[in-house]
Amino acid sequence: MAIINHGTREISLKIVYWGTGFSGKTENVVWLSRRILGEDPLVLATQEGRTLFFDFKPLSKELPNGYKVRYSVYTVPGQAIYAASRRLVVEGADGIVFVVDSQRERFENNLMALEELLSVVGPENLGSRIPLVIQYNKRDLENIYPVEFLREKLNRFRAPDFEAVALKGIGVEETFNAIAELSLERVLQNAKLQGEEANLNR
């Protein structure tokens, strides 16, 4: 859930990368952290697996009256045994990137990851209350499904979607920029409905 701090004039947003194990979540977050901060993300290790994390304030995202936005970016551990950890990480997310492994042999794993995500955040919330972007990763491999097939089977929300080769940085920025914009728009819209816009503009 977004935090609007009127004292520091900062809006903090949480972005979570979700997907099956080895789908490319880590590659996305590592590439982004190196690109934006020039360093690897932090590794948050627990008894229930590990997740990667970094946060930053984009220089170009200054809002009215000096407000700025800070993005905190997380991955979830993809292996099945880390379900409890995934639930904790995704709690309070302002935007979710669902990273799809395009390989044919990983399709059922993608379906299970999507169903788990729906059970955690609620099917009525995903894409409506919580913005969603889908990334079809590993598009450089041979044994992959066409994007049209993956879109039909996995993007029932008609969410913005992108092709990617995360290891090479292809499609990584486009994916993140989309979820960053959608998440900020949703928070500003909710703030307006709740009367917070007066604080943002005074």
N, C-alpha and C. Protein backbone atom coordinates (compact mmCIF):
# COMPACT_ATOMS: atom_id res chain seq x y z
N MET A 1 0.85 -1.19 0.00
CA MET A 1 0.00 0.00 0.00
C MET A 1 0.89 1.24 0.00
N ALA A 2 0.59 2.17 -0.87
CA ALA A 2 1.41 3.37 -1.00
C ALA A 2 1.41 4.17 0.29
N ILE A 3 2.55 4.79 0.57
CA ILE A 3 2.69 5.66 1.73
C ILE A 3 2.94 7.08 1.23
N ILE A 4 2.05 8.00 1.60
CA ILE A 4 2.22 9.41 1.24
C ILE A 4 2.67 10.16 2.49
N ASN A 5 3.91 10.61 2.49
CA ASN A 5 4.48 11.33 3.62
C ASN A 5 4.48 12.82 3.29
N HIS A 6 3.55 13.54 3.88
CA HIS A 6 3.43 14.97 3.57
C HIS A 6 4.56 15.78 4.20
N GLY A 7 5.20 15.24 5.25
CA GLY A 7 6.31 15.95 5.87
C GLY A 7 7.53 15.98 4.96
N THR A 8 7.85 14.84 4.37
CA THR A 8 9.01 14.77 3.47
C THR A 8 8.61 14.96 2.01
N ARG A 9 7.30 15.10 1.75
CA ARG A 9 6.76 15.24 0.40
C ARG A 9 7.23 14.08 -0.50
N GLU A 10 6.98 12.88 0.00
CA GLU A 10 7.42 11.70 -0.73
C GLU A 10 6.30 10.65 -0.78
N ILE A 11 6.13 10.06 -1.95
CA ILE A 11 5.19 8.96 -2.14
C ILE A 11 6.00 7.69 -2.36
N SER A 12 5.81 6.71 -1.50
CA SER A 12 6.56 5.46 -1.59
C SER A 12 5.68 4.37 -2.18
N LEU A 13 6.15 3.75 -3.26
CA LEU A 13 5.40 2.71 -3.95
C LEU A 13 6.18 1.41 -3.95
N LYS A 14 5.47 0.31 -3.81
CA LYS A 14 6.09 -1.01 -3.77
C LYS A 14 5.73 -1.79 -5.04
N ILE A 15 6.76 -2.20 -5.78
CA ILE A 15 6.58 -2.98 -7.00
C ILE A 15 7.13 -4.38 -6.76
N VAL A 16 6.35 -5.41 -7.09
CA VAL A 16 6.77 -6.79 -6.86
C VAL A 16 6.79 -7.56 -8.17
N TYR A 17 7.88 -8.28 -8.40
CA TYR A 17 8.01 -9.17 -9.56
C TYR A 17 7.64 -10.58 -9.12
N TRP A 18 6.62 -11.14 -9.78
CA TRP A 18 6.05 -12.45 -9.41
C TRP A 18 6.20 -13.39 -10.59
N GLY A 19 6.36 -14.68 -10.30
CA GLY A 19 6.41 -15.66 -11.37
C GLY A 19 6.95 -16.98 -10.86
N THR A 20 6.90 -17.98 -11.71
CA THR A 20 7.40 -19.29 -11.33
C THR A 20 8.91 -19.27 -11.17
N GLY A 21 9.46 -20.28 -10.55
CA GLY A 21 10.90 -20.35 -10.35
C GLY A 21 11.65 -20.30 -11.67
N PHE A 22 12.73 -19.52 -11.72
CA PHE A 22 13.61 -19.42 -12.89
C PHE A 22 12.93 -18.80 -14.12
N SER A 23 11.89 -18.02 -13.88
CA SER A 23 11.21 -17.36 -15.01
C SER A 23 11.96 -16.12 -15.48
N GLY A 24 12.80 -15.55 -14.61
CA GLY A 24 13.54 -14.35 -14.99
C GLY A 24 13.28 -13.16 -14.09
N LYS A 25 12.63 -13.38 -12.96
CA LYS A 25 12.36 -12.28 -12.03
C LYS A 25 13.67 -11.66 -11.52
N THR A 26 14.57 -12.54 -11.10
CA THR A 26 15.85 -12.06 -10.57
C THR A 26 16.62 -11.28 -11.63
N GLU A 27 16.65 -11.79 -12.85
CA GLU A 27 17.38 -11.11 -13.92
C GLU A 27 16.82 -9.71 -14.16
N ASN A 28 15.49 -9.57 -14.10
CA ASN A 28 14.87 -8.25 -14.25
C ASN A 28 15.35 -7.28 -13.19
N VAL A 29 15.27 -7.70 -11.94
CA VAL A 29 15.58 -6.81 -10.83
C VAL A 29 17.08 -6.50 -10.76
N VAL A 30 17.91 -7.49 -11.04
CA VAL A 30 19.35 -7.24 -11.07
C VAL A 30 19.70 -6.25 -12.18
N TRP A 31 19.13 -6.45 -13.35
CA TRP A 31 19.42 -5.56 -14.47
C TRP A 31 18.98 -4.13 -14.17
N LEU A 32 17.78 -4.00 -13.59
CA LEU A 32 17.28 -2.67 -13.25
C LEU A 32 18.15 -1.99 -12.20
N SER A 33 18.52 -2.73 -11.17
CA SER A 33 19.32 -2.15 -10.10
C SER A 33 20.68 -1.69 -10.62
N ARG A 34 21.30 -2.52 -11.46
CA ARG A 34 22.59 -2.13 -12.03
C ARG A 34 22.45 -0.92 -12.94
N ARG A 35 21.37 -0.89 -13.69
CA ARG A 35 21.14 0.20 -14.64
C ARG A 35 20.85 1.52 -13.91
N ILE A 36 20.04 1.44 -12.86
CA ILE A 36 19.59 2.65 -12.17
C ILE A 36 20.58 3.10 -11.10
N LEU A 37 21.07 2.15 -10.31
CA LEU A 37 21.93 2.49 -9.17
C LEU A 37 23.40 2.20 -9.42
N GLY A 38 23.70 1.41 -10.45
CA GLY A 38 25.08 1.03 -10.70
C GLY A 38 25.59 -0.03 -9.76
N GLU A 39 24.69 -0.77 -9.13
CA GLU A 39 25.10 -1.82 -8.19
C GLU A 39 24.03 -2.90 -8.13
N ASP A 40 24.40 -4.05 -7.58
CA ASP A 40 23.46 -5.15 -7.44
C ASP A 40 22.43 -4.83 -6.36
N PRO A 41 21.23 -5.43 -6.47
CA PRO A 41 20.22 -5.22 -5.42
C PRO A 41 20.64 -5.91 -4.13
N LEU A 42 19.99 -5.52 -3.05
CA LEU A 42 20.21 -6.19 -1.77
C LEU A 42 19.55 -7.56 -1.79
N VAL A 43 20.14 -8.50 -1.07
CA VAL A 43 19.55 -9.83 -0.93
C VAL A 43 18.98 -9.93 0.48
N LEU A 44 17.67 -10.12 0.56
CA LEU A 44 17.02 -10.30 1.86
C LEU A 44 16.84 -11.79 2.09
N ALA A 45 17.66 -12.37 2.93
CA ALA A 45 17.64 -13.82 3.17
C ALA A 45 16.89 -14.12 4.46
N THR A 46 15.98 -15.10 4.38
CA THR A 46 15.24 -15.55 5.55
C THR A 46 15.24 -17.07 5.56
N GLN A 47 14.63 -17.64 6.57
CA GLN A 47 14.51 -19.10 6.64
C GLN A 47 13.60 -19.62 5.53
N GLU A 48 12.82 -18.73 4.96
CA GLU A 48 11.87 -19.15 3.92
C GLU A 48 12.32 -18.70 2.54
N GLY A 49 13.63 -18.66 2.32
CA GLY A 49 14.13 -18.32 1.00
C GLY A 49 14.71 -16.92 0.97
N ARG A 50 14.92 -16.41 -0.22
CA ARG A 50 15.51 -15.08 -0.36
C ARG A 50 14.72 -14.29 -1.38
N THR A 51 14.79 -12.99 -1.23
CA THR A 51 14.22 -12.11 -2.23
C THR A 51 15.23 -11.00 -2.49
N LEU A 52 15.12 -10.36 -3.63
CA LEU A 52 16.00 -9.25 -3.96
C LEU A 52 15.22 -7.95 -3.80
N PHE A 53 15.94 -6.89 -3.48
CA PHE A 53 15.28 -5.63 -3.19
C PHE A 53 16.20 -4.46 -3.53
N PHE A 54 15.63 -3.40 -4.11
CA PHE A 54 16.31 -2.12 -4.18
C PHE A 54 15.27 -1.03 -4.24
N ASP A 55 15.66 0.18 -3.86
CA ASP A 55 14.72 1.30 -4.00
C ASP A 55 15.47 2.52 -4.52
N PHE A 56 14.71 3.42 -5.14
CA PHE A 56 15.31 4.60 -5.74
C PHE A 56 14.25 5.67 -5.97
N LYS A 57 14.71 6.90 -6.14
CA LYS A 57 13.84 8.02 -6.50
C LYS A 57 14.24 8.48 -7.90
N PRO A 58 13.42 8.22 -8.90
CA PRO A 58 13.79 8.65 -10.26
C PRO A 58 13.83 10.16 -10.36
N LEU A 59 14.87 10.66 -11.01
CA LEU A 59 15.06 12.11 -11.10
C LEU A 59 13.95 12.79 -11.90
N SER A 60 13.35 12.06 -12.82
CA SER A 60 12.36 12.67 -13.71
C SER A 60 10.94 12.62 -13.16
N LYS A 61 10.76 12.06 -11.95
CA LYS A 61 9.41 11.86 -11.44
C LYS A 61 9.04 12.84 -10.35
N GLU A 62 9.26 14.11 -10.57
CA GLU A 62 8.86 15.11 -9.58
C GLU A 62 7.41 15.49 -9.81
N LEU A 63 6.65 15.50 -8.75
CA LEU A 63 5.21 15.76 -8.81
C LEU A 63 4.94 17.21 -8.39
N PRO A 64 3.67 17.64 -8.45
CA PRO A 64 3.35 19.02 -8.06
C PRO A 64 3.84 19.37 -6.66
N ASN A 65 4.25 20.62 -6.49
CA ASN A 65 4.64 21.18 -5.20
C ASN A 65 5.81 20.44 -4.55
N GLY A 66 6.70 19.92 -5.38
CA GLY A 66 7.92 19.32 -4.84
C GLY A 66 7.81 17.90 -4.36
N TYR A 67 6.66 17.29 -4.50
CA TYR A 67 6.53 15.88 -4.12
C TYR A 67 7.35 15.00 -5.07
N LYS A 68 7.90 13.95 -4.51
CA LYS A 68 8.67 13.00 -5.31
C LYS A 68 8.18 11.60 -5.01
N VAL A 69 8.49 10.69 -5.91
CA VAL A 69 8.06 9.30 -5.73
C VAL A 69 9.29 8.43 -5.53
N ARG A 70 9.18 7.48 -4.64
CA ARG A 70 10.23 6.49 -4.41
C ARG A 70 9.65 5.11 -4.72
N TYR A 71 10.36 4.36 -5.55
CA TYR A 71 9.95 3.00 -5.88
C TYR A 71 10.80 2.00 -5.11
N SER A 72 10.15 1.07 -4.45
CA SER A 72 10.83 -0.06 -3.84
C SER A 72 10.48 -1.29 -4.66
N VAL A 73 11.50 -1.99 -5.15
CA VAL A 73 11.31 -3.09 -6.10
C VAL A 73 11.74 -4.40 -5.46
N TYR A 74 10.87 -5.40 -5.52
CA TYR A 74 11.13 -6.69 -4.90
C TYR A 74 10.91 -7.82 -5.90
N THR A 75 11.60 -8.95 -5.66
CA THR A 75 11.23 -10.21 -6.31
C THR A 75 10.66 -11.13 -5.24
N VAL A 76 9.94 -12.15 -5.68
CA VAL A 76 9.53 -13.22 -4.78
C VAL A 76 10.32 -14.48 -5.13
N PRO A 77 10.65 -15.33 -4.15
CA PRO A 77 11.27 -16.61 -4.46
C PRO A 77 10.26 -17.50 -5.18
N GLY A 78 10.67 -18.09 -6.29
CA GLY A 78 9.70 -18.78 -7.13
C GLY A 78 9.43 -20.24 -6.79
N GLN A 79 10.34 -20.90 -6.08
CA GLN A 79 10.17 -22.31 -5.82
C GLN A 79 8.94 -22.58 -4.96
N ALA A 80 8.32 -23.74 -5.16
CA ALA A 80 7.04 -24.06 -4.53
C ALA A 80 7.11 -24.01 -3.01
N ILE A 81 8.25 -24.36 -2.43
CA ILE A 81 8.32 -24.45 -0.97
C ILE A 81 8.30 -23.08 -0.30
N TYR A 82 8.39 -22.00 -1.08
CA TYR A 82 8.48 -20.66 -0.50
C TYR A 82 7.17 -19.89 -0.60
N ALA A 83 6.05 -20.60 -0.57
CA ALA A 83 4.75 -19.95 -0.72
C ALA A 83 4.50 -18.91 0.37
N ALA A 84 4.86 -19.23 1.61
CA ALA A 84 4.62 -18.30 2.71
C ALA A 84 5.43 -17.02 2.52
N SER A 85 6.65 -17.17 2.06
CA SER A 85 7.50 -15.99 1.82
C SER A 85 6.92 -15.12 0.71
N ARG A 86 6.39 -15.75 -0.34
CA ARG A 86 5.80 -14.97 -1.44
C ARG A 86 4.62 -14.14 -0.94
N ARG A 87 3.83 -14.72 -0.08
CA ARG A 87 2.68 -13.99 0.45
C ARG A 87 3.12 -12.75 1.23
N LEU A 88 4.17 -12.89 2.00
CA LEU A 88 4.66 -11.77 2.78
C LEU A 88 5.21 -10.67 1.88
N VAL A 89 5.96 -11.06 0.85
CA VAL A 89 6.58 -10.07 -0.02
C VAL A 89 5.54 -9.29 -0.80
N VAL A 90 4.50 -9.97 -1.29
CA VAL A 90 3.53 -9.30 -2.16
C VAL A 90 2.52 -8.47 -1.37
N GLU A 91 2.48 -8.67 -0.05
CA GLU A 91 1.53 -7.91 0.76
C GLU A 91 1.81 -6.41 0.64
N GLY A 92 0.78 -5.66 0.37
CA GLY A 92 0.92 -4.21 0.25
C GLY A 92 1.50 -3.72 -1.06
N ALA A 93 1.58 -4.60 -2.06
CA ALA A 93 2.14 -4.20 -3.35
C ALA A 93 1.25 -3.16 -4.02
N ASP A 94 1.88 -2.16 -4.63
CA ASP A 94 1.17 -1.14 -5.40
C ASP A 94 1.15 -1.46 -6.88
N GLY A 95 1.94 -2.43 -7.29
CA GLY A 95 1.99 -2.87 -8.68
C GLY A 95 2.70 -4.21 -8.76
N ILE A 96 2.27 -5.05 -9.69
CA ILE A 96 2.84 -6.39 -9.82
C ILE A 96 3.24 -6.63 -11.27
N VAL A 97 4.44 -7.16 -11.46
CA VAL A 97 4.88 -7.64 -12.77
C VAL A 97 4.87 -9.17 -12.71
N PHE A 98 4.06 -9.77 -13.57
CA PHE A 98 4.03 -11.23 -13.66
C PHE A 98 4.97 -11.64 -14.78
N VAL A 99 6.08 -12.30 -14.41
CA VAL A 99 7.09 -12.70 -15.37
C VAL A 99 6.79 -14.13 -15.84
N VAL A 100 6.52 -14.27 -17.12
CA VAL A 100 6.15 -15.56 -17.71
C VAL A 100 7.38 -16.18 -18.36
N ASP A 101 7.62 -17.45 -18.07
CA ASP A 101 8.64 -18.22 -18.76
C ASP A 101 8.03 -18.74 -20.06
N SER A 102 8.51 -18.25 -21.20
CA SER A 102 7.89 -18.57 -22.48
C SER A 102 8.10 -20.01 -22.95
N GLN A 103 8.96 -20.77 -22.30
CA GLN A 103 9.26 -22.13 -22.74
C GLN A 103 8.04 -23.03 -22.60
N ARG A 104 7.84 -23.86 -23.60
CA ARG A 104 6.67 -24.73 -23.62
C ARG A 104 6.58 -25.62 -22.39
N GLU A 105 7.73 -26.16 -21.98
CA GLU A 105 7.73 -27.09 -20.84
C GLU A 105 7.46 -26.40 -19.51
N ARG A 106 7.43 -25.07 -19.51
CA ARG A 106 7.19 -24.33 -18.27
C ARG A 106 5.78 -23.75 -18.20
N PHE A 107 4.95 -24.08 -19.18
CA PHE A 107 3.63 -23.46 -19.25
C PHE A 107 2.78 -23.78 -18.03
N GLU A 108 2.74 -25.04 -17.60
CA GLU A 108 1.92 -25.40 -16.44
C GLU A 108 2.41 -24.69 -15.19
N ASN A 109 3.72 -24.50 -15.07
CA ASN A 109 4.26 -23.76 -13.93
C ASN A 109 3.79 -22.32 -13.94
N ASN A 110 3.71 -21.73 -15.14
CA ASN A 110 3.18 -20.37 -15.25
C ASN A 110 1.73 -20.30 -14.78
N LEU A 111 0.94 -21.28 -15.20
CA LEU A 111 -0.47 -21.31 -14.79
C LEU A 111 -0.59 -21.41 -13.27
N MET A 112 0.22 -22.27 -12.67
CA MET A 112 0.16 -22.43 -11.21
C MET A 112 0.58 -21.15 -10.51
N ALA A 113 1.60 -20.48 -11.05
CA ALA A 113 2.05 -19.22 -10.45
C ALA A 113 0.96 -18.16 -10.53
N LEU A 114 0.25 -18.12 -11.65
CA LEU A 114 -0.83 -17.15 -11.82
C LEU A 114 -1.98 -17.45 -10.86
N GLU A 115 -2.34 -18.70 -10.74
CA GLU A 115 -3.44 -19.06 -9.85
C GLU A 115 -3.08 -18.75 -8.40
N GLU A 116 -1.82 -18.98 -8.04
CA GLU A 116 -1.39 -18.65 -6.68
C GLU A 116 -1.47 -17.14 -6.45
N LEU A 117 -1.04 -16.36 -7.42
CA LEU A 117 -1.12 -14.91 -7.30
C LEU A 117 -2.56 -14.45 -7.10
N LEU A 118 -3.47 -15.02 -7.87
CA LEU A 118 -4.88 -14.67 -7.73
C LEU A 118 -5.41 -15.04 -6.35
N SER A 119 -4.99 -16.17 -5.82
CA SER A 119 -5.46 -16.59 -4.49
C SER A 119 -4.91 -15.68 -3.40
N VAL A 120 -3.72 -15.12 -3.62
CA VAL A 120 -3.09 -14.29 -2.60
C VAL A 120 -3.68 -12.89 -2.59
N VAL A 121 -3.78 -12.27 -3.76
CA VAL A 121 -4.24 -10.87 -3.80
C VAL A 121 -5.73 -10.74 -4.06
N GLY A 122 -6.37 -11.82 -4.51
CA GLY A 122 -7.79 -11.77 -4.82
C GLY A 122 -8.03 -11.45 -6.28
N PRO A 123 -8.79 -12.29 -6.99
CA PRO A 123 -9.03 -12.06 -8.42
C PRO A 123 -9.74 -10.75 -8.70
N GLU A 124 -10.48 -10.25 -7.73
CA GLU A 124 -11.20 -8.99 -7.94
C GLU A 124 -10.27 -7.79 -7.83
N ASN A 125 -9.08 -7.98 -7.26
CA ASN A 125 -8.15 -6.87 -7.06
C ASN A 125 -7.09 -6.76 -8.15
N LEU A 126 -6.68 -7.90 -8.71
CA LEU A 126 -5.57 -7.89 -9.65
C LEU A 126 -5.98 -7.21 -10.95
N GLY A 127 -5.26 -6.18 -11.30
CA GLY A 127 -5.55 -5.43 -12.51
C GLY A 127 -6.54 -4.30 -12.30
N SER A 128 -7.39 -4.42 -11.28
CA SER A 128 -8.34 -3.35 -11.00
C SER A 128 -7.83 -2.47 -9.87
N ARG A 129 -7.66 -3.04 -8.68
CA ARG A 129 -7.12 -2.26 -7.56
C ARG A 129 -5.59 -2.24 -7.58
N ILE A 130 -4.99 -3.38 -7.96
CA ILE A 130 -3.53 -3.48 -8.02
C ILE A 130 -3.11 -3.57 -9.48
N PRO A 131 -2.45 -2.56 -10.02
CA PRO A 131 -2.03 -2.61 -11.42
C PRO A 131 -1.14 -3.81 -11.71
N LEU A 132 -1.28 -4.33 -12.93
CA LEU A 132 -0.56 -5.53 -13.35
C LEU A 132 0.06 -5.29 -14.73
N VAL A 133 1.29 -5.75 -14.89
CA VAL A 133 1.94 -5.79 -16.19
C VAL A 133 2.49 -7.20 -16.36
N ILE A 134 2.36 -7.75 -17.55
CA ILE A 134 2.85 -9.10 -17.83
C ILE A 134 4.04 -9.02 -18.77
N GLN A 135 5.05 -9.80 -18.44
CA GLN A 135 6.25 -9.87 -19.27
C GLN A 135 6.44 -11.31 -19.76
N TYR A 136 6.53 -11.49 -21.09
CA TYR A 136 6.81 -12.80 -21.67
C TYR A 136 8.31 -12.89 -21.88
N ASN A 137 8.98 -13.59 -21.00
CA ASN A 137 10.44 -13.61 -20.98
C ASN A 137 10.99 -14.80 -21.77
N LYS A 138 12.28 -14.75 -22.01
CA LYS A 138 13.05 -15.81 -22.70
C LYS A 138 12.62 -15.95 -24.15
N ARG A 139 12.34 -14.83 -24.80
CA ARG A 139 11.88 -14.87 -26.18
C ARG A 139 12.98 -15.23 -27.17
N ASP A 140 14.21 -15.35 -26.69
CA ASP A 140 15.32 -15.72 -27.57
C ASP A 140 15.54 -17.23 -27.67
N LEU A 141 14.79 -18.00 -26.89
CA LEU A 141 14.95 -19.45 -26.91
C LEU A 141 14.12 -20.07 -28.04
N GLU A 142 14.40 -21.32 -28.36
CA GLU A 142 13.74 -21.96 -29.50
C GLU A 142 12.40 -22.59 -29.14
N ASN A 143 12.35 -23.32 -28.05
CA ASN A 143 11.14 -24.09 -27.72
C ASN A 143 10.17 -23.24 -26.89
N ILE A 144 9.61 -22.21 -27.51
CA ILE A 144 8.73 -21.29 -26.80
C ILE A 144 7.37 -21.20 -27.48
N TYR A 145 6.38 -20.82 -26.68
CA TYR A 145 5.05 -20.59 -27.24
C TYR A 145 4.99 -19.21 -27.90
N PRO A 146 4.18 -19.06 -28.93
CA PRO A 146 3.96 -17.72 -29.50
C PRO A 146 3.34 -16.80 -28.45
N VAL A 147 3.64 -15.52 -28.55
CA VAL A 147 3.10 -14.56 -27.61
C VAL A 147 1.57 -14.57 -27.64
N GLU A 148 0.99 -14.77 -28.82
CA GLU A 148 -0.46 -14.77 -28.95
C GLU A 148 -1.09 -15.87 -28.08
N PHE A 149 -0.45 -17.03 -28.04
CA PHE A 149 -0.94 -18.14 -27.22
C PHE A 149 -0.83 -17.80 -25.74
N LEU A 150 0.31 -17.29 -25.33
CA LEU A 150 0.52 -16.94 -23.93
C LEU A 150 -0.42 -15.83 -23.48
N ARG A 151 -0.65 -14.88 -24.37
CA ARG A 151 -1.56 -13.78 -24.05
C ARG A 151 -2.98 -14.30 -23.84
N GLU A 152 -3.40 -15.20 -24.71
CA GLU A 152 -4.76 -15.75 -24.60
C GLU A 152 -4.94 -16.55 -23.31
N LYS A 153 -3.93 -17.31 -22.93
CA LYS A 153 -4.05 -18.21 -21.78
C LYS A 153 -3.75 -17.55 -20.44
N LEU A 154 -2.88 -16.53 -20.46
CA LEU A 154 -2.40 -15.99 -19.19
C LEU A 154 -2.80 -14.54 -18.94
N ASN A 155 -3.19 -13.82 -19.98
CA ASN A 155 -3.52 -12.40 -19.78
C ASN A 155 -5.02 -12.17 -19.89
N ARG A 156 -5.75 -12.80 -19.00
CA ARG A 156 -7.21 -12.63 -18.98
C ARG A 156 -7.61 -11.22 -18.55
N PHE A 157 -6.64 -10.47 -18.00
CA PHE A 157 -6.92 -9.14 -17.47
C PHE A 157 -6.72 -8.05 -18.52
N ARG A 158 -6.25 -8.45 -19.69
CA ARG A 158 -5.89 -7.49 -20.74
C ARG A 158 -4.92 -6.43 -20.21
N ALA A 159 -4.00 -6.88 -19.43
CA ALA A 159 -2.98 -6.00 -18.86
C ALA A 159 -1.95 -5.65 -19.94
N PRO A 160 -1.26 -4.53 -19.79
CA PRO A 160 -0.15 -4.24 -20.70
C PRO A 160 0.86 -5.39 -20.64
N ASP A 161 1.38 -5.80 -21.79
CA ASP A 161 2.34 -6.90 -21.78
C ASP A 161 3.48 -6.63 -22.74
N PHE A 162 4.61 -7.26 -22.44
CA PHE A 162 5.85 -6.99 -23.17
C PHE A 162 6.63 -8.29 -23.38
N GLU A 163 7.29 -8.38 -24.53
CA GLU A 163 8.24 -9.46 -24.76
C GLU A 163 9.58 -9.05 -24.18
N ALA A 164 10.36 -10.05 -23.73
CA ALA A 164 11.61 -9.71 -23.09
C ALA A 164 12.63 -10.84 -23.20
N VAL A 165 13.88 -10.43 -23.09
CA VAL A 165 15.00 -11.34 -22.84
C VAL A 165 15.75 -10.68 -21.68
N ALA A 166 15.33 -11.00 -20.47
CA ALA A 166 15.80 -10.26 -19.29
C ALA A 166 17.31 -10.35 -19.10
N LEU A 167 17.88 -11.49 -19.45
CA LEU A 167 19.33 -11.65 -19.30
C LEU A 167 20.11 -10.62 -20.12
N LYS A 168 19.52 -10.18 -21.20
CA LYS A 168 20.18 -9.20 -22.07
C LYS A 168 19.61 -7.80 -21.89
N GLY A 169 18.68 -7.64 -20.96
CA GLY A 169 18.07 -6.33 -20.72
C GLY A 169 17.01 -5.93 -21.71
N ILE A 170 16.64 -6.84 -22.62
CA ILE A 170 15.64 -6.53 -23.64
C ILE A 170 14.24 -6.57 -23.02
N GLY A 171 13.51 -5.48 -23.13
CA GLY A 171 12.15 -5.41 -22.59
C GLY A 171 12.07 -5.16 -21.11
N VAL A 172 13.20 -5.07 -20.43
CA VAL A 172 13.19 -4.91 -18.97
C VAL A 172 12.75 -3.51 -18.57
N GLU A 173 13.35 -2.49 -19.18
CA GLU A 173 12.96 -1.13 -18.84
C GLU A 173 11.53 -0.83 -19.25
N GLU A 174 11.14 -1.31 -20.43
CA GLU A 174 9.77 -1.07 -20.90
C GLU A 174 8.76 -1.65 -19.92
N THR A 175 9.03 -2.85 -19.44
CA THR A 175 8.14 -3.49 -18.47
C THR A 175 8.05 -2.67 -17.20
N PHE A 176 9.21 -2.28 -16.67
CA PHE A 176 9.21 -1.53 -15.41
C PHE A 176 8.56 -0.16 -15.57
N ASN A 177 8.88 0.53 -16.64
CA ASN A 177 8.29 1.85 -16.85
C ASN A 177 6.77 1.79 -16.88
N ALA A 178 6.24 0.72 -17.48
CA ALA A 178 4.78 0.57 -17.55
C ALA A 178 4.17 0.38 -16.17
N ILE A 179 4.75 -0.51 -15.36
CA ILE A 179 4.17 -0.75 -14.03
C ILE A 179 4.40 0.45 -13.12
N ALA A 180 5.51 1.16 -13.29
CA ALA A 180 5.77 2.35 -12.48
C ALA A 180 4.72 3.42 -12.77
N GLU A 181 4.42 3.65 -14.04
CA GLU A 181 3.43 4.65 -14.42
C GLU A 181 2.04 4.27 -13.92
N LEU A 182 1.66 3.01 -14.14
CA LEU A 182 0.32 2.57 -13.73
C LEU A 182 0.15 2.67 -12.22
N SER A 183 1.18 2.28 -11.48
CA SER A 183 1.09 2.31 -10.02
C SER A 183 0.97 3.74 -9.50
N LEU A 184 1.75 4.64 -10.07
CA LEU A 184 1.67 6.04 -9.64
C LEU A 184 0.32 6.64 -9.99
N GLU A 185 -0.17 6.36 -11.20
CA GLU A 185 -1.49 6.86 -11.60
C GLU A 185 -2.58 6.38 -10.65
N ARG A 186 -2.51 5.09 -10.26
CA ARG A 186 -3.53 4.54 -9.38
C ARG A 186 -3.48 5.19 -8.00
N VAL A 187 -2.29 5.41 -7.48
CA VAL A 187 -2.16 6.03 -6.17
C VAL A 187 -2.67 7.47 -6.20
N LEU A 188 -2.32 8.21 -7.23
CA LEU A 188 -2.79 9.60 -7.34
C LEU A 188 -4.30 9.65 -7.50
N GLN A 189 -4.85 8.68 -8.25
CA GLN A 189 -6.30 8.62 -8.41
C GLN A 189 -6.98 8.34 -7.08
N ASN A 190 -6.43 7.39 -6.31
CA ASN A 190 -7.00 7.06 -5.01
C ASN A 190 -6.87 8.22 -4.04
N ALA A 191 -5.73 8.93 -4.11
CA ALA A 191 -5.53 10.09 -3.24
C ALA A 191 -6.56 11.16 -3.53
N LYS A 192 -6.86 11.35 -4.82
CA LYS A 192 -7.86 12.35 -5.20
C LYS A 192 -9.22 11.98 -4.66
N LEU A 193 -9.57 10.69 -4.74
CA LEU A 193 -10.87 10.24 -4.25
C LEU A 193 -10.98 10.42 -2.74
N GLN A 194 -9.83 10.32 -2.06
CA GLN A 194 -9.84 10.43 -0.60
C GLN A 194 -9.51 11.84 -0.10
N GLY A 195 -9.38 12.78 -1.03
CA GLY A 195 -9.13 14.15 -0.63
C GLY A 195 -7.68 14.48 -0.36
N GLU A 196 -6.76 13.56 -0.66
CA GLU A 196 -5.34 13.81 -0.43
C GLU A 196 -4.75 14.77 -1.45
N GLU A 197 -5.43 14.98 -2.56
CA GLU A 197 -4.83 15.82 -3.61
C GLU A 197 -4.63 17.25 -3.12
N ALA A 198 -5.40 17.67 -2.14
CA ALA A 198 -5.21 19.01 -1.60
C ALA A 198 -3.83 19.14 -0.97
N ASN A 199 -3.39 18.09 -0.29
CA ASN A 199 -2.07 18.11 0.32
C ASN A 199 -0.96 18.06 -0.73
N LEU A 200 -1.20 17.36 -1.83
CA LEU A 200 -0.19 17.25 -2.88
C LEU A 200 0.00 18.57 -3.60
N ASN A 201 -0.97 19.43 -3.57
CA ASN A 201 -0.90 20.66 -4.36
C ASN A 201 -0.76 21.94 -3.53
N ARG A 202 -0.67 21.80 -2.24
CA ARG A 202 -0.59 23.05 -1.46
C ARG A 202 0.85 23.44 -1.17
